[in-house]
């Protein structure tokens, strides 16, 4: 983590906020996983929109729901 020109260790930041470094890295990993999941959902939705541009949100969701369950 860097603040301007100063490098601040993660341990000091975690101590300041009363969190452990394990919790910090666990949360960081979970955020990355969520971002990947959101990107995948958007990819499926965009692909379905290309096939059927007049479909509404519900129809798009139902169209790729089976494929989403296979991956998840």
Protein backbone atom coordinates (compact mmCIF):
# COMPACT_ATOMS: atom_id res chain seq x y z
CA UNK A 1 0.00 0.00 0.00
CA UNK A 2 1.40 3.37 -0.82
CA UNK A 3 0.31 6.82 0.18
CA UNK A 4 1.97 9.34 -2.04
CA UNK A 5 5.71 8.76 -1.68
CA UNK A 6 5.44 6.84 1.59
CA UNK A 7 5.10 3.06 1.69
CA UNK A 8 2.87 1.99 4.56
CA UNK A 9 2.94 -1.70 5.49
CA UNK A 10 -0.35 -3.57 5.53
CA UNK A 11 0.27 -4.61 9.13
CA UNK A 12 0.28 -0.98 10.32
CA UNK A 13 -2.94 -0.22 8.46
CA UNK A 14 -4.61 -3.34 9.84
CA UNK A 15 -3.48 -2.45 13.38
CA UNK A 16 -4.89 1.06 12.95
CA UNK A 17 -8.32 -0.32 11.96
CA UNK A 18 -8.30 -3.20 14.43
CA UNK A 19 -8.22 -5.96 11.81
CA UNK A 20 -5.82 -8.83 11.33
CA UNK A 21 -3.73 -9.14 8.21
CA UNK A 22 -5.36 -12.54 7.58
CA UNK A 23 -8.78 -10.85 7.50
CA UNK A 24 -7.44 -8.19 5.14
CA UNK A 25 -6.13 -10.70 2.62
CA UNK A 26 -9.19 -12.93 2.96
CA UNK A 27 -11.46 -9.96 2.18
CA UNK A 28 -9.22 -8.95 -0.72
CA UNK A 29 -9.47 -12.44 -2.21
CA UNK A 30 -13.27 -12.44 -1.79
CA UNK A 31 -13.57 -9.06 -3.55
CA UNK A 32 -11.50 -10.35 -6.47
CA UNK A 33 -13.66 -13.47 -6.72
CA UNK A 34 -16.84 -11.36 -6.71
CA UNK A 35 -15.46 -9.10 -9.44
CA UNK A 36 -14.67 -12.14 -11.60
CA UNK A 37 -18.18 -13.48 -11.06
CA UNK A 38 -19.74 -10.13 -12.01
CA UNK A 39 -17.59 -9.95 -15.15
CA UNK A 40 -18.69 -13.45 -16.16
CA UNK A 41 -22.38 -12.60 -15.68
CA UNK A 42 -21.99 -9.46 -17.79
CA UNK A 43 -20.25 -11.47 -20.50
CA UNK A 44 -23.12 -13.97 -20.61
CA UNK A 45 -25.70 -11.18 -20.68
CA UNK A 46 -23.92 -9.33 -23.49
CA UNK A 47 -23.63 -12.51 -25.52
CA UNK A 48 -27.35 -13.18 -25.11
CA UNK A 49 -28.14 -9.58 -26.09
CA UNK A 50 -26.19 -10.05 -29.31
CA UNK A 51 -28.33 -13.08 -30.17
CA UNK A 52 -31.62 -11.53 -29.09
CA UNK A 53 -31.33 -7.72 -28.80
CA UNK A 54 -35.06 -7.20 -28.13
CA UNK A 55 -35.14 -9.47 -25.07
CA UNK A 56 -35.92 -7.95 -21.71
CA UNK A 57 -33.93 -8.41 -18.53
CA UNK A 58 -35.92 -11.41 -17.29
CA UNK A 59 -35.66 -13.18 -20.62
CA UNK A 60 -31.91 -12.62 -20.76
CA UNK A 61 -31.53 -13.92 -17.20
CA UNK A 62 -33.53 -17.07 -17.92
CA UNK A 63 -31.61 -17.63 -21.17
CA UNK A 64 -28.22 -17.94 -19.47
CA UNK A 65 -29.31 -19.23 -16.06
CA UNK A 66 -28.61 -22.90 -16.96
CA UNK A 67 -25.14 -22.04 -18.24
CA UNK A 68 -24.45 -20.00 -15.10
CA UNK A 69 -25.43 -22.93 -12.83
CA UNK A 70 -23.02 -25.23 -14.70
CA UNK A 71 -20.09 -22.94 -13.98
CA UNK A 72 -21.08 -21.96 -10.44
